[in-house]
Amino acid sequence: MRIKQIAIAGMLLMPLLSLGIQPAGALNLQLFAGKWAASPEFCEGSVAALDAPVVIEAGRMTFYEWSCTVVDVKGIGLKRSVIATLDCDGEGQRWREKVVLGLDITEALMILRDDAVGFFGRRCRN
């Protein structure tokens, strides 16, 4: 089910990345701040890489083996959704990428990377 949700969201939102839609007015990631995991039991952090929580805080996103500094955040015309430009480093490499972040009506977070890899999770309580 989760893979299907990511695939559908990707089909809908990935064209926005390639079009570079960037309405005026920079936003921030405050709405998305917190620790997010695909399942509540993954919130503890002692799990496999694919299940590790994502942490979003002021100007930073941290994944399992890499972290990113937020360079820019722009609205995409959808409520509770943004495109963030990230400078990332991990495993001896550095790169820049764009990701789409959005909250659905159930407050689940979706992150889509420009290579179509996605994350779908819920905010951890701890």
PDB file of N, CA and C in Angstrom:
ATOM      1  N   MET A   1       0.831  -1.191   0.000  1.00  0.00           N
ATOM      2  CA  MET A   1       0.000   0.000   0.000  1.00  0.00           C
ATOM      3  C   MET A   1       0.871   1.248   0.000  1.00  0.00           C
ATOM      4  N   ARG A   2       1.912   1.283   0.846  1.00  0.00           N
ATOM      5  CA  ARG A   2       2.777   2.450   0.942  1.00  0.00           C
ATOM      6  C   ARG A   2       3.483   2.714  -0.382  1.00  0.00           C
ATOM      7  N   ILE A   3       3.951   1.674  -1.053  1.00  0.00           N
ATOM      8  CA  ILE A   3       4.630   1.841  -2.331  1.00  0.00           C
ATOM      9  C   ILE A   3       3.652   2.403  -3.365  1.00  0.00           C
ATOM     10  N   LYS A   4       2.417   1.936  -3.335  1.00  0.00           N
ATOM     11  CA  LYS A   4       1.410   2.433  -4.264  1.00  0.00           C
ATOM     12  C   LYS A   4       1.148   3.916  -4.014  1.00  0.00           C
ATOM     13  N   GLN A   5       1.071   4.339  -2.743  1.00  0.00           N
ATOM     14  CA  GLN A   5       0.852   5.744  -2.421  1.00  0.00           C
ATOM     15  C   GLN A   5       1.999   6.600  -2.925  1.00  0.00           C
ATOM     16  N   ILE A   6       3.227   6.141  -2.740  1.00  0.00           N
ATOM     17  CA  ILE A   6       4.397   6.887  -3.195  1.00  0.00           C
ATOM     18  C   ILE A   6       4.396   6.978  -4.721  1.00  0.00           C
ATOM     19  N   ALA A   7       4.078   5.880  -5.381  1.00  0.00           N
ATOM     20  CA  ALA A   7       4.069   5.877  -6.842  1.00  0.00           C
ATOM     21  C   ALA A   7       3.033   6.846  -7.395  1.00  0.00           C
ATOM     22  N   ILE A   8       1.840   6.853  -6.823  1.00  0.00           N
ATOM     23  CA  ILE A   8       0.794   7.755  -7.281  1.00  0.00           C
ATOM     24  C   ILE A   8       1.194   9.203  -7.023  1.00  0.00           C
ATOM     25  N   ALA A   9       1.707   9.481  -5.828  1.00  0.00           N
ATOM     26  CA  ALA A   9       2.145  10.844  -5.517  1.00  0.00           C
ATOM     27  C   ALA A   9       3.269  11.273  -6.449  1.00  0.00           C
ATOM     28  N   GLY A  10       4.162  10.360  -6.760  1.00  0.00           N
ATOM     29  CA  GLY A  10       5.265  10.673  -7.658  1.00  0.00           C
ATOM     30  C   GLY A  10       4.778  11.029  -9.046  1.00  0.00           C
ATOM     31  N   MET A  11       3.820  10.288  -9.528  1.00  0.00           N
ATOM     32  CA  MET A  11       3.285  10.575 -10.858  1.00  0.00           C
ATOM     33  C   MET A  11       2.635  11.953 -10.891  1.00  0.00           C
ATOM     34  N   LEU A  12       2.028  12.358  -9.777  1.00  0.00           N
ATOM     35  CA  LEU A  12       1.357  13.647  -9.735  1.00  0.00           C
ATOM     36  C   LEU A  12       2.315  14.812  -9.509  1.00  0.00           C
ATOM     37  N   LEU A  13       3.349  14.602  -8.696  1.00  0.00           N
ATOM     38  CA  LEU A  13       4.211  15.715  -8.305  1.00  0.00           C
ATOM     39  C   LEU A  13       5.541  15.807  -9.033  1.00  0.00           C
ATOM     40  N   MET A  14       6.053  14.729  -9.590  1.00  0.00           N
ATOM     41  CA  MET A  14       7.360  14.786 -10.248  1.00  0.00           C
ATOM     42  C   MET A  14       7.405  15.772 -11.407  1.00  0.00           C
ATOM     43  N   PRO A  15       6.332  15.942 -12.191  1.00  0.00           N
ATOM     44  CA  PRO A  15       6.402  16.954 -13.246  1.00  0.00           C
ATOM     45  C   PRO A  15       6.678  18.352 -12.718  1.00  0.00           C
ATOM     46  N   LEU A  16       6.271  18.640 -11.490  1.00  0.00           N
ATOM     47  CA  LEU A  16       6.534  19.957 -10.920  1.00  0.00           C
ATOM     48  C   LEU A  16       8.024  20.206 -10.759  1.00  0.00           C
ATOM     49  N   LEU A  17       8.789  19.165 -10.421  1.00  0.00           N
ATOM     50  CA  LEU A  17      10.237  19.327 -10.304  1.00  0.00           C
ATOM     51  C   LEU A  17      10.853  19.675 -11.649  1.00  0.00           C
ATOM     52  N   SER A  18      10.463  18.978 -12.684  1.00  0.00           N
ATOM     53  CA  SER A  18      11.062  19.202 -13.991  1.00  0.00           C
ATOM     54  C   SER A  18      10.638  20.542 -14.573  1.00  0.00           C
ATOM     55  N   LEU A  19       9.454  21.040 -14.216  1.00  0.00           N
ATOM     56  CA  LEU A  19       9.008  22.333 -14.705  1.00  0.00           C
ATOM     57  C   LEU A  19       9.617  23.483 -13.926  1.00  0.00           C
ATOM     58  N   GLY A  20      10.136  23.184 -12.739  1.00  0.00           N
ATOM     59  CA  GLY A  20      10.734  24.228 -11.921  1.00  0.00           C
ATOM     60  C   GLY A  20       9.711  25.221 -11.398  1.00  0.00           C
ATOM     61  N   ILE A  21       8.500  24.783 -11.126  1.00  0.00           N
ATOM     62  CA  ILE A  21       7.465  25.685 -10.633  1.00  0.00           C
ATOM     63  C   ILE A  21       7.889  26.229  -9.275  1.00  0.00           C
ATOM     64  N   GLN A  22       8.027  27.534  -9.204  1.00  0.00           N
ATOM     65  CA  GLN A  22       8.489  28.158  -7.980  1.00  0.00           C
ATOM     66  C   GLN A  22       7.761  29.483  -7.759  1.00  0.00           C
ATOM     67  N   PRO A  23       6.555  29.450  -7.203  1.00  0.00           N
ATOM     68  CA  PRO A  23       5.841  30.691  -6.940  1.00  0.00           C
ATOM     69  C   PRO A  23       6.646  31.606  -6.023  1.00  0.00           C
ATOM     70  N   ALA A  24       6.365  32.895  -6.124  1.00  0.00           N
ATOM     71  CA  ALA A  24       7.089  33.877  -5.317  1.00  0.00           C
ATOM     72  C   ALA A  24       6.879  33.606  -3.835  1.00  0.00           C
ATOM     73  N   GLY A  25       7.861  33.967  -3.042  1.00  0.00           N
ATOM     74  CA  GLY A  25       7.757  33.843  -1.594  1.00  0.00           C
ATOM     75  C   GLY A  25       8.348  32.561  -1.056  1.00  0.00           C
ATOM     76  N   ALA A  26       9.515  32.675  -0.480  1.00  0.00           N
ATOM     77  CA  ALA A  26      10.156  31.492   0.102  1.00  0.00           C
ATOM     78  C   ALA A  26       9.404  31.063   1.359  1.00  0.00           C
ATOM     79  N   LEU A  27       9.340  29.770   1.578  1.00  0.00           N
ATOM     80  CA  LEU A  27       8.713  29.203   2.764  1.00  0.00           C
ATOM     81  C   LEU A  27       9.796  28.556   3.612  1.00  0.00           C
ATOM     82  N   ASN A  28       9.421  27.980   4.719  1.00  0.00           N
ATOM     83  CA  ASN A  28      10.396  27.212   5.494  1.00  0.00           C
ATOM     84  C   ASN A  28       9.832  25.823   5.772  1.00  0.00           C
ATOM     85  N   LEU A  29      10.625  25.024   6.428  1.00  0.00           N
ATOM     86  CA  LEU A  29      10.220  23.641   6.687  1.00  0.00           C
ATOM     87  C   LEU A  29       9.607  23.456   8.075  1.00  0.00           C
ATOM     88  N   GLN A  30       9.224  24.534   8.738  1.00  0.00           N
ATOM     89  CA  GLN A  30       8.685  24.440  10.096  1.00  0.00           C
ATOM     90  C   GLN A  30       7.485  23.493  10.164  1.00  0.00           C
ATOM     91  N   LEU A  31       6.638  23.525   9.173  1.00  0.00           N
ATOM     92  CA  LEU A  31       5.466  22.645   9.133  1.00  0.00           C
ATOM     93  C   LEU A  31       5.865  21.173   9.178  1.00  0.00           C
ATOM     94  N   PHE A  32       7.051  20.857   8.654  1.00  0.00           N
ATOM     95  CA  PHE A  32       7.509  19.472   8.548  1.00  0.00           C
ATOM     96  C   PHE A  32       8.496  19.079   9.655  1.00  0.00           C
ATOM     97  N   ALA A  33       8.778  20.000  10.572  1.00  0.00           N
ATOM     98  CA  ALA A  33       9.779  19.741  11.614  1.00  0.00           C
ATOM     99  C   ALA A  33       9.387  18.536  12.461  1.00  0.00           C
ATOM    100  N   GLY A  34      10.382  17.712  12.762  1.00  0.00           N
ATOM    101  CA  GLY A  34      10.155  16.556  13.618  1.00  0.00           C
ATOM    102  C   GLY A  34      10.855  15.317  13.107  1.00  0.00           C
ATOM    103  N   LYS A  35      10.557  14.228  13.769  1.00  0.00           N
ATOM    104  CA  LYS A  35      11.111  12.923  13.417  1.00  0.00           C
ATOM    105  C   LYS A  35       9.986  12.113  12.794  1.00  0.00           C
ATOM    106  N   TRP A  36      10.254  11.542  11.610  1.00  0.00           N
ATOM    107  CA  TRP A  36       9.235  10.846  10.833  1.00  0.00           C
ATOM    108  C   TRP A  36       9.674   9.423  10.545  1.00  0.00           C
ATOM    109  N   ALA A  37       8.737   8.492  10.607  1.00  0.00           N
ATOM    110  CA  ALA A  37       9.068   7.089  10.320  1.00  0.00           C
ATOM    111  C   ALA A  37       7.912   6.427   9.577  1.00  0.00           C
ATOM    112  N   ALA A  38       8.256   5.404   8.806  1.00  0.00           N
ATOM    113  CA  ALA A  38       7.256   4.690   8.013  1.00  0.00           C
ATOM    114  C   ALA A  38       6.280   3.909   8.894  1.00  0.00           C
ATOM    115  N   SER A  39       6.696   3.584  10.104  1.00  0.00           N
ATOM    116  CA  SER A  39       5.864   2.830  11.030  1.00  0.00           C
ATOM    117  C   SER A  39       6.248   3.237  12.452  1.00  0.00           C
ATOM    118  N   PRO A  40       5.308   3.262  13.403  1.00  0.00           N
ATOM    119  CA  PRO A  40       5.632   3.700  14.764  1.00  0.00           C
ATOM    120  C   PRO A  40       6.809   2.959  15.407  1.00  0.00           C
ATOM    121  N   GLU A  41       6.939   1.652  15.128  1.00  0.00           N
ATOM    122  CA  GLU A  41       8.041   0.907  15.738  1.00  0.00           C
ATOM    123  C   GLU A  41       9.405   1.344  15.198  1.00  0.00           C
ATOM    124  N   PHE A  42       9.425   2.034  14.064  1.00  0.00           N
ATOM    125  CA  PHE A  42      10.687   2.506  13.496  1.00  0.00           C
ATOM    126  C   PHE A  42      11.147   3.815  14.130  1.00  0.00           C
ATOM    127  N   CYS A  43      10.336   4.422  14.977  1.00  0.00           N
ATOM    128  CA  CYS A  43      10.686   5.702  15.597  1.00  0.00           C
ATOM    129  C   CYS A  43      11.864   5.580  16.553  1.00  0.00           C
ATOM    130  N   GLU A  44      12.158   4.385  17.021  1.00  0.00           N
ATOM    131  CA  GLU A  44      13.250   4.190  17.974  1.00  0.00           C
ATOM    132  C   GLU A  44      14.616   4.386  17.344  1.00  0.00           C
ATOM    133  N   GLY A  45      14.732   4.205  16.043  1.00  0.00           N
ATOM    134  CA  GLY A  45      15.990   4.470  15.361  1.00  0.00           C
ATOM    135  C   GLY A  45      16.942   3.293  15.271  1.00  0.00           C
ATOM    136  N   SER A  46      16.655   2.188  15.906  1.00  0.00           N
ATOM    137  CA  SER A  46      17.555   1.034  15.864  1.00  0.00           C
ATOM    138  C   SER A  46      17.030   0.014  14.859  1.00  0.00           C
ATOM    139  N   VAL A  47      16.876   0.463  13.626  1.00  0.00           N
ATOM    140  CA  VAL A  47      16.305  -0.380  12.575  1.00  0.00           C
ATOM    141  C   VAL A  47      17.176  -0.323  11.326  1.00  0.00           C
ATOM    142  N   ALA A  48      16.826  -1.121  10.346  1.00  0.00           N
ATOM    143  CA  ALA A  48      17.569  -1.156   9.079  1.00  0.00           C
ATOM    144  C   ALA A  48      17.479   0.179   8.352  1.00  0.00           C
ATOM    145  N   ALA A  49      18.412   0.418   7.456  1.00  0.00           N
ATOM    146  CA  ALA A  49      18.516   1.684   6.736  1.00  0.00           C
ATOM    147  C   ALA A  49      17.213   2.106   6.072  1.00  0.00           C
ATOM    148  N   LEU A  50      16.548   1.182   5.421  1.00  0.00           N
ATOM    149  CA  LEU A  50      15.334   1.540   4.704  1.00  0.00           C
ATOM    150  C   LEU A  50      14.212   1.981   5.627  1.00  0.00           C
ATOM    151  N   ASP A  51      14.275   1.567   6.878  1.00  0.00           N
ATOM    152  CA  ASP A  51      13.229   1.896   7.828  1.00  0.00           C
ATOM    153  C   ASP A  51      13.609   2.988   8.818  1.00  0.00           C
ATOM    154  N   ALA A  52      14.816   3.530   8.703  1.00  0.00           N
ATOM    155  CA  ALA A  52      15.285   4.540   9.649  1.00  0.00           C
ATOM    156  C   ALA A  52      14.446   5.808   9.542  1.00  0.00           C
ATOM    157  N   PRO A  53      14.214   6.471  10.675  1.00  0.00           N
ATOM    158  CA  PRO A  53      13.450   7.713  10.656  1.00  0.00           C
ATOM    159  C   PRO A  53      14.185   8.823   9.904  1.00  0.00           C
ATOM    160  N   VAL A  54      13.416   9.765   9.406  1.00  0.00           N
ATOM    161  CA  VAL A  54      13.932  10.989   8.798  1.00  0.00           C
ATOM    162  C   VAL A  54      13.707  12.097   9.813  1.00  0.00           C
ATOM    163  N   VAL A  55      14.731  12.931  10.049  1.00  0.00           N
ATOM    164  CA  VAL A  55      14.608  14.038  10.991  1.00  0.00           C
ATOM    165  C   VAL A  55      14.697  15.346  10.214  1.00  0.00           C
ATOM    166  N   ILE A  56      13.700  16.200  10.425  1.00  0.00           N
ATOM    167  CA  ILE A  56      13.673  17.516   9.788  1.00  0.00           C
ATOM    168  C   ILE A  56      13.686  18.548  10.899  1.00  0.00           C
ATOM    169  N   GLU A  57      14.680  19.427  10.840  1.00  0.00           N
ATOM    170  CA  GLU A  57      14.785  20.503  11.819  1.00  0.00           C
ATOM    171  C   GLU A  57      15.209  21.764  11.096  1.00  0.00           C
ATOM    172  N   ALA A  58      15.347  22.857  11.816  1.00  0.00           N
ATOM    173  CA  ALA A  58      15.650  24.149  11.208  1.00  0.00           C
ATOM    174  C   ALA A  58      16.852  24.054  10.267  1.00  0.00           C
ATOM    175  N   GLY A  59      16.584  24.192   8.993  1.00  0.00           N
ATOM    176  CA  GLY A  59      17.646  24.230   7.997  1.00  0.00           C
ATOM    177  C   GLY A  59      18.354  22.923   7.710  1.00  0.00           C
ATOM    178  N   ARG A  60      17.812  21.795   8.194  1.00  0.00           N
ATOM    179  CA  ARG A  60      18.518  20.518   8.072  1.00  0.00           C
ATOM    180  C   ARG A  60      17.538  19.354   7.919  1.00  0.00           C
ATOM    181  N   MET A  61      17.916  18.379   7.088  1.00  0.00           N
ATOM    182  CA  MET A  61      17.196  17.111   6.977  1.00  0.00           C
ATOM    183  C   MET A  61      18.214  15.998   7.142  1.00  0.00           C
ATOM    184  N   THR A  62      17.935  15.040   8.019  1.00  0.00           N
ATOM    185  CA  THR A  62      18.866  13.950   8.290  1.00  0.00           C
ATOM    186  C   THR A  62      18.198  12.622   7.967  1.00  0.00           C
ATOM    187  N   PHE A  63      18.885  11.834   7.146  1.00  0.00           N
ATOM    188  CA  PHE A  63      18.427  10.512   6.750  1.00  0.00           C
ATOM    189  C   PHE A  63      19.355   9.487   7.403  1.00  0.00           C
ATOM    190  N   TYR A  64      19.262   8.225   7.034  1.00  0.00           N
ATOM    191  CA  TYR A  64      20.021   7.177   7.710  1.00  0.00           C
ATOM    192  C   TYR A  64      21.535   7.363   7.601  1.00  0.00           C
ATOM    193  N   GLU A  65      22.052   7.468   6.404  1.00  0.00           N
ATOM    194  CA  GLU A  65      23.506   7.575   6.233  1.00  0.00           C
ATOM    195  C   GLU A  65      23.948   8.883   5.602  1.00  0.00           C
ATOM    196  N   TRP A  66      23.050   9.852   5.513  1.00  0.00           N
ATOM    197  CA  TRP A  66      23.422  11.131   4.949  1.00  0.00           C
ATOM    198  C   TRP A  66      22.539  12.236   5.508  1.00  0.00           C
ATOM    199  N   SER A  67      23.036  13.460   5.386  1.00  0.00           N
ATOM    200  CA  SER A  67      22.270  14.600   5.871  1.00  0.00           C
ATOM    201  C   SER A  67      22.380  15.743   4.873  1.00  0.00           C
ATOM    202  N   CYS A  68      21.448  16.665   4.970  1.00  0.00           N
ATOM    203  CA  CYS A  68      21.372  17.749   4.001  1.00  0.00           C
ATOM    204  C   CYS A  68      21.132  19.086   4.694  1.00  0.00           C
ATOM    205  N   THR A  69      21.735  20.121   4.144  1.00  0.00           N
ATOM    206  CA  THR A  69      21.452  21.487   4.537  1.00  0.00           C
ATOM    207  C   THR A  69      20.413  22.026   3.560  1.00  0.00           C
ATOM    208  N   VAL A  70      19.397  22.661   4.086  1.00  0.00           N
ATOM    209  CA  VAL A  70      18.354  23.229   3.244  1.00  0.00           C
ATOM    210  C   VAL A  70      18.862  24.544   2.672  1.00  0.00           C
ATOM    211  N   VAL A  71      18.952  24.619   1.346  1.00  0.00           N
ATOM    212  CA  VAL A  71      19.451  25.800   0.656  1.00  0.00           C
ATOM    213  C   VAL A  71      18.302  26.755   0.321  1.00  0.00           C
ATOM    214  N   ASP A  72      17.165  26.198  -0.088  1.00  0.00           N
ATOM    215  CA  ASP A  72      16.037  27.022  -0.515  1.00  0.00           C
ATOM    216  C   ASP A  72      14.754  26.216  -0.380  1.00  0.00           C
ATOM    217  N   VAL A  73      13.666  26.896  -0.096  1.00  0.00           N
ATOM    218  CA  VAL A  73      12.352  26.264  -0.004  1.00  0.00           C
ATOM    219  C   VAL A  73      11.357  27.161  -0.728  1.00  0.00           C
ATOM    220  N   LYS A  74      10.603  26.573  -1.632  1.00  0.00           N
ATOM    221  CA  LYS A  74       9.610  27.340  -2.390  1.00  0.00           C
ATOM    222  C   LYS A  74       8.290  26.596  -2.417  1.00  0.00           C
ATOM    223  N   GLY A  75       7.212  27.363  -2.429  1.00  0.00           N
ATOM    224  CA  GLY A  75       5.886  26.786  -2.546  1.00  0.00           C
ATOM    225  C   GLY A  75       5.670  26.241  -3.945  1.00  0.00           C
ATOM    226  N   ILE A  76       4.741  25.301  -4.065  1.00  0.00           N
ATOM    227  CA  ILE A  76       4.429  24.746  -5.390  1.00  0.00           C
ATOM    228  C   ILE A  76       2.959  24.946  -5.732  1.00  0.00           C
ATOM    229  N   GLY A  77       2.287  25.779  -4.960  1.00  0.00           N
ATOM    230  CA  GLY A  77       0.890  26.053  -5.251  1.00  0.00           C
ATOM    231  C   GLY A  77      -0.083  25.070  -4.643  1.00  0.00           C
ATOM    232  N   LEU A  78       0.412  24.089  -3.914  1.00  0.00           N
ATOM    233  CA  LEU A  78      -0.441  23.129  -3.220  1.00  0.00           C
ATOM    234  C   LEU A  78      -0.314  23.378  -1.728  1.00  0.00           C
ATOM    235  N   LYS A  79      -1.433  23.344  -1.018  1.00  0.00           N
ATOM    236  CA  LYS A  79      -1.389  23.542   0.436  1.00  0.00           C
ATOM    237  C   LYS A  79      -0.494  22.507   1.086  1.00  0.00           C
ATOM    238  N   ARG A  80       0.321  22.962   2.027  1.00  0.00           N
ATOM    239  CA  ARG A  80       1.167  22.088   2.840  1.00  0.00           C
ATOM    240  C   ARG A  80       2.144  21.265   2.007  1.00  0.00           C
ATOM    241  N   SER A  81       2.629  21.851   0.909  1.00  0.00           N
ATOM    242  CA  SER A  81       3.616  21.195   0.049  1.00  0.00           C
ATOM    243  C   SER A  81       4.649  22.209  -0.419  1.00  0.00           C
ATOM    244  N   VAL A  82       5.895  21.778  -0.501  1.00  0.00           N
ATOM    245  CA  VAL A  82       6.985  22.654  -0.935  1.00  0.00           C
ATOM    246  C   VAL A  82       7.994  21.864  -1.763  1.00  0.00           C
ATOM    247  N   ILE A  83       8.842  22.601  -2.482  1.00  0.00           N
ATOM    248  CA  ILE A  83      10.036  22.025  -3.097  1.00  0.00           C
ATOM    249  C   ILE A  83      11.220  22.600  -2.328  1.00  0.00           C
ATOM    250  N   ALA A  84      12.078  21.733  -1.840  1.00  0.00           N
ATOM    251  CA  ALA A  84      13.276  22.159  -1.111  1.00  0.00           C
ATOM    252  C   ALA A  84      14.513  21.790  -1.916  1.00  0.00           C
ATOM    253  N   THR A  85      15.442  22.731  -2.015  1.00  0.00           N
ATOM    254  CA  THR A  85      16.745  22.462  -2.609  1.00  0.00           C
ATOM    255  C   THR A  85      17.694  22.144  -1.462  1.00  0.00           C
ATOM    256  N   LEU A  86      18.404  21.028  -1.577  1.00  0.00           N
ATOM    257  CA  LEU A  86      19.249  20.530  -0.493  1.00  0.00           C
ATOM    258  C   LEU A  86      20.688  20.351  -0.958  1.00  0.00           C
ATOM    259  N   ASP A  87      21.631  20.725  -0.111  1.00  0.00           N
ATOM    260  CA  ASP A  87      23.035  20.347  -0.293  1.00  0.00           C
ATOM    261  C   ASP A  87      23.293  19.197   0.661  1.00  0.00           C
ATOM    262  N   CYS A  88      23.606  18.028   0.117  1.00  0.00           N
ATOM    263  CA  CYS A  88      23.698  16.807   0.916  1.00  0.00           C
ATOM    264  C   CYS A  88      25.110  16.242   0.930  1.00  0.00           C
ATOM    265  N   ASP A  89      25.405  15.507   1.995  1.00  0.00           N
ATOM    266  CA  ASP A  89      26.657  14.768   2.043  1.00  0.00           C
ATOM    267  C   ASP A  89      26.454  13.502   2.853  1.00  0.00           C
ATOM    268  N   GLY A  90      27.180  12.467   2.433  1.00  0.00           N
ATOM    269  CA  GLY A  90      27.114  11.189   3.110  1.00  0.00           C
ATOM    270  C   GLY A  90      27.926  10.158   2.361  1.00  0.00           C
ATOM    271  N   GLU A  91      28.471   9.232   3.097  1.00  0.00           N
ATOM    272  CA  GLU A  91      29.277   8.156   2.529  1.00  0.00           C
ATOM    273  C   GLU A  91      30.379   8.687   1.607  1.00  0.00           C
ATOM    274  N   GLY A  92      30.996   9.813   2.009  1.00  0.00           N
ATOM    275  CA  GLY A  92      32.117  10.370   1.259  1.00  0.00           C
ATOM    276  C   GLY A  92      31.744  11.133   0.007  1.00  0.00           C
ATOM    277  N   GLN A  93      30.483  11.410  -0.207  1.00  0.00           N
ATOM    278  CA  GLN A  93      30.049  12.135  -1.400  1.00  0.00           C
ATOM    279  C   GLN A  93      29.252  13.370  -1.019  1.00  0.00           C
ATOM    280  N   ARG A  94      29.212  14.340  -1.957  1.00  0.00           N
ATOM    281  CA  ARG A  94      28.405  15.550  -1.799  1.00  0.00           C
ATOM    282  C   ARG A  94      27.592  15.745  -3.064  1.00  0.00           C
ATOM    283  N   TRP A  95      26.366  16.234  -2.900  1.00  0.00           N
ATOM    284  CA  TRP A  95      25.516  16.474  -4.054  1.00  0.00           C
ATOM    285  C   TRP A  95      24.429  17.474  -3.694  1.00  0.00           C
ATOM    286  N   ARG A  96      23.793  18.025  -4.725  1.00  0.00           N
ATOM    287  CA  ARG A  96      22.644  18.919  -4.570  1.00  0.00           C
ATOM    288  C   ARG A  96      21.449  18.234  -5.216  1.00  0.00           C
ATOM    289  N   GLU A  97      20.309  18.332  -4.557  1.00  0.00           N
ATOM    290  CA  GLU A  97      19.090  17.757  -5.126  1.00  0.00           C
ATOM    291  C   GLU A  97      17.877  18.550  -4.684  1.00  0.00           C
ATOM    292  N   LYS A  98      16.787  18.324  -5.387  1.00  0.00           N
ATOM    293  CA  LYS A  98      15.507  18.916  -5.024  1.00  0.00           C
ATOM    294  C   LYS A  98      14.576  17.804  -4.563  1.00  0.00           C
ATOM    295  N   VAL A  99      13.786  18.118  -3.551  1.00  0.00           N
ATOM    296  CA  VAL A  99      12.791  17.171  -3.057  1.00  0.00           C
ATOM    297  C   VAL A  99      11.456  17.893  -2.905  1.00  0.00           C
ATOM    298  N   VAL A 100      10.394  17.150  -3.084  1.00  0.00           N
ATOM    299  CA  VAL A 100       9.055  17.657  -2.804  1.00  0.00           C
ATOM    300  C   VAL A 100       8.655  17.094  -1.451  1.00  0.00           C
ATOM    301  N   LEU A 101       8.191  17.962  -0.562  1.00  0.00           N
ATOM    302  CA  LEU A 101       7.664  17.543   0.733  1.00  0.00           C
ATOM    303  C   LEU A 101       6.197  17.941   0.792  1.00  0.00           C
ATOM    304  N   GLY A 102       5.369  17.054   1.307  1.00  0.00           N
ATOM    305  CA  GLY A 102       3.958  17.371   1.439  1.00  0.00           C
ATOM    306  C   GLY A 102       3.307  16.580   2.549  1.00  0.00           C
ATOM    307  N   LEU A 103       2.307  17.179   3.160  1.00  0.00           N
ATOM    308  CA  LEU A 103       1.502  16.501   4.172  1.00  0.00           C
ATOM    309  C   LEU A 103       0.143  16.202   3.559  1.00  0.00           C
ATOM    310  N   ASP A 104      -0.315  14.958   3.729  1.00  0.00           N
ATOM    311  CA  ASP A 104      -1.638  14.629   3.209  1.00  0.00           C
ATOM    312  C   ASP A 104      -2.695  14.932   4.274  1.00  0.00           C
ATOM    313  N   ILE A 105      -3.940  14.632   3.986  1.00  0.00           N
ATOM    314  CA  ILE A 105      -5.021  14.990   4.907  1.00  0.00           C
ATOM    315  C   ILE A 105      -4.976  14.215   6.221  1.00  0.00           C
ATOM    316  N   THR A 106      -4.209  13.125   6.265  1.00  0.00           N
ATOM    317  CA  THR A 106      -4.078  12.360   7.508  1.00  0.00           C
ATOM    318  C   THR A 106      -2.827  12.760   8.289  1.00  0.00           C
ATOM    319  N   GLU A 107      -2.141  13.825   7.836  1.00  0.00           N
ATOM    320  CA  GLU A 107      -0.911  14.322   8.450  1.00  0.00           C
ATOM    321  C   GLU A 107       0.289  13.413   8.192  1.00  0.00           C
ATOM    322  N   ALA A 108       0.222  12.560   7.202  1.00  0.00           N
ATOM    323  CA  ALA A 108       1.378  11.743   6.815  1.00  0.00           C
ATOM    324  C   ALA A 108       2.288  12.592   5.929  1.00  0.00           C
ATOM    325  N   LEU A 109       3.591  12.394   6.081  1.00  0.00           N
ATOM    326  CA  LEU A 109       4.584  13.120   5.301  1.00  0.00           C
ATOM    327  C   LEU A 109       4.999  12.307   4.089  1.00  0.00           C
ATOM    328  N   MET A 110       5.095  12.986   2.961  1.00  0.00           N
ATOM    329  CA  MET A 110       5.605  12.376   1.746  1.00  0.00           C
ATOM    330  C   MET A 110       6.820  13.195   1.312  1.00  0.00           C
ATOM    331  N   ILE A 111       7.920  12.513   1.029  1.00  0.00           N
ATOM    332  CA  ILE A 111       9.108  13.159   0.466  1.00  0.00           C
ATOM    333  C   ILE A 111       9.415  12.440  -0.842  1.00  0.00           C
ATOM    334  N   LEU A 112       9.486  13.191  -1.924  1.00  0.00           N
ATOM    335  CA  LEU A 112       9.859  12.628  -3.219  1.00  0.00           C
ATOM    336  C   LEU A 112      11.154  13.274  -3.677  1.00  0.00           C
ATOM    337  N   ARG A 113      12.142  12.461  -3.958  1.00  0.00           N
ATOM    338  CA  ARG A 113      13.426  12.958  -4.459  1.00  0.00           C
ATOM    339  C   ARG A 113      13.358  13.078  -5.967  1.00  0.00           C
ATOM    340  N   ASP A 114      14.285  13.827  -6.548  1.00  0.00           N
ATOM    341  CA  ASP A 114      14.252  14.036  -7.993  1.00  0.00           C
ATOM    342  C   ASP A 114      14.606  12.783  -8.788  1.00  0.00           C
ATOM    343  N   ASP A 115      15.068  11.733  -8.110  1.00  0.00           N
ATOM    344  CA  ASP A 115      15.294  10.454  -8.802  1.00  0.00           C
ATOM    345  C   ASP A 115      14.110   9.505  -8.613  1.00  0.00           C
ATOM    346  N   ALA A 116      12.988  10.052  -8.152  1.00  0.00           N
ATOM    347  CA  ALA A 116      11.725   9.344  -7.965  1.00  0.00           C
ATOM    348  C   ALA A 116      11.721   8.378  -6.784  1.00  0.00           C
ATOM    349  N   VAL A 117      12.747   8.395  -5.959  1.00  0.00           N
ATOM    350  CA  VAL A 117      12.740   7.599  -4.733  1.00  0.00           C
ATOM    351  C   VAL A 117      11.937   8.369  -3.699  1.00  0.00           C
ATOM    352  N   GLY A 118      11.077   7.689  -2.973  1.00  0.00           N
ATOM    353  CA  GLY A 118      10.216   8.393  -2.041  1.00  0.00           C
ATOM    354  C   GLY A 118      10.242   7.856  -0.624  1.00  0.00           C
ATOM    355  N   PHE A 119       9.678   8.655   0.261  1.00  0.00           N
ATOM    356  CA  PHE A 119       9.518   8.297   1.665  1.00  0.00           C
ATOM    357  C   PHE A 119       8.091   8.675   2.040  1.00  0.00           C
ATOM    358  N   PHE A 120       7.425   7.818   2.784  1.00  0.00           N
ATOM    359  CA  PHE A 120       6.066   8.093   3.253  1.00  0.00           C
ATOM    360  C   PHE A 120       6.024   7.685   4.714  1.00  0.00           C
ATOM    361  N   GLY A 121       5.769   8.631   5.609  1.00  0.00           N
ATOM    362  CA  GLY A 121       5.796   8.285   7.023  1.00  0.00           C
ATOM    363  C   GLY A 121       4.936   9.194   7.882  1.00  0.00           C
ATOM    364  N   ARG A 122       4.926   8.844   9.153  1.00  0.00           N
ATOM    365  CA  ARG A 122       4.170   9.604  10.148  1.00  0.00           C
ATOM    366  C   ARG A 122       5.113  10.176  11.204  1.00  0.00           C
ATOM    367  N   ARG A 123       4.681  11.286  11.795  1.00  0.00           N
ATOM    368  CA  ARG A 123       5.486  11.941  12.815  1.00  0.00           C
ATOM    369  C   ARG A 123       5.600  11.040  14.048  1.00  0.00           C
ATOM    370  N   CYS A 124       6.814  10.887  14.546  1.00  0.00           N
ATOM    371  CA  CYS A 124       7.049  10.101  15.765  1.00  0.00           C
ATOM    372  C   CYS A 124       6.589  10.910  16.975  1.00  0.00           C
ATOM    373  N   ARG A 125       6.124  10.226  17.978  1.00  0.00           N
ATOM    374  CA  ARG A 125       5.661  10.894  19.196  1.00  0.00           C
ATOM    375  C   ARG A 125       6.800  11.237  20.140  1.00  0.00           C
ATOM    376  N   ASN A 126       7.954  10.572  19.979  1.00  0.00           N
ATOM    377  CA  ASN A 126       9.070  10.822  20.895  1.00  0.00           C
ATOM    378  C   ASN A 126      10.095  11.736  20.281  1.00  0.00           C
TER     379      ASN A 126
END
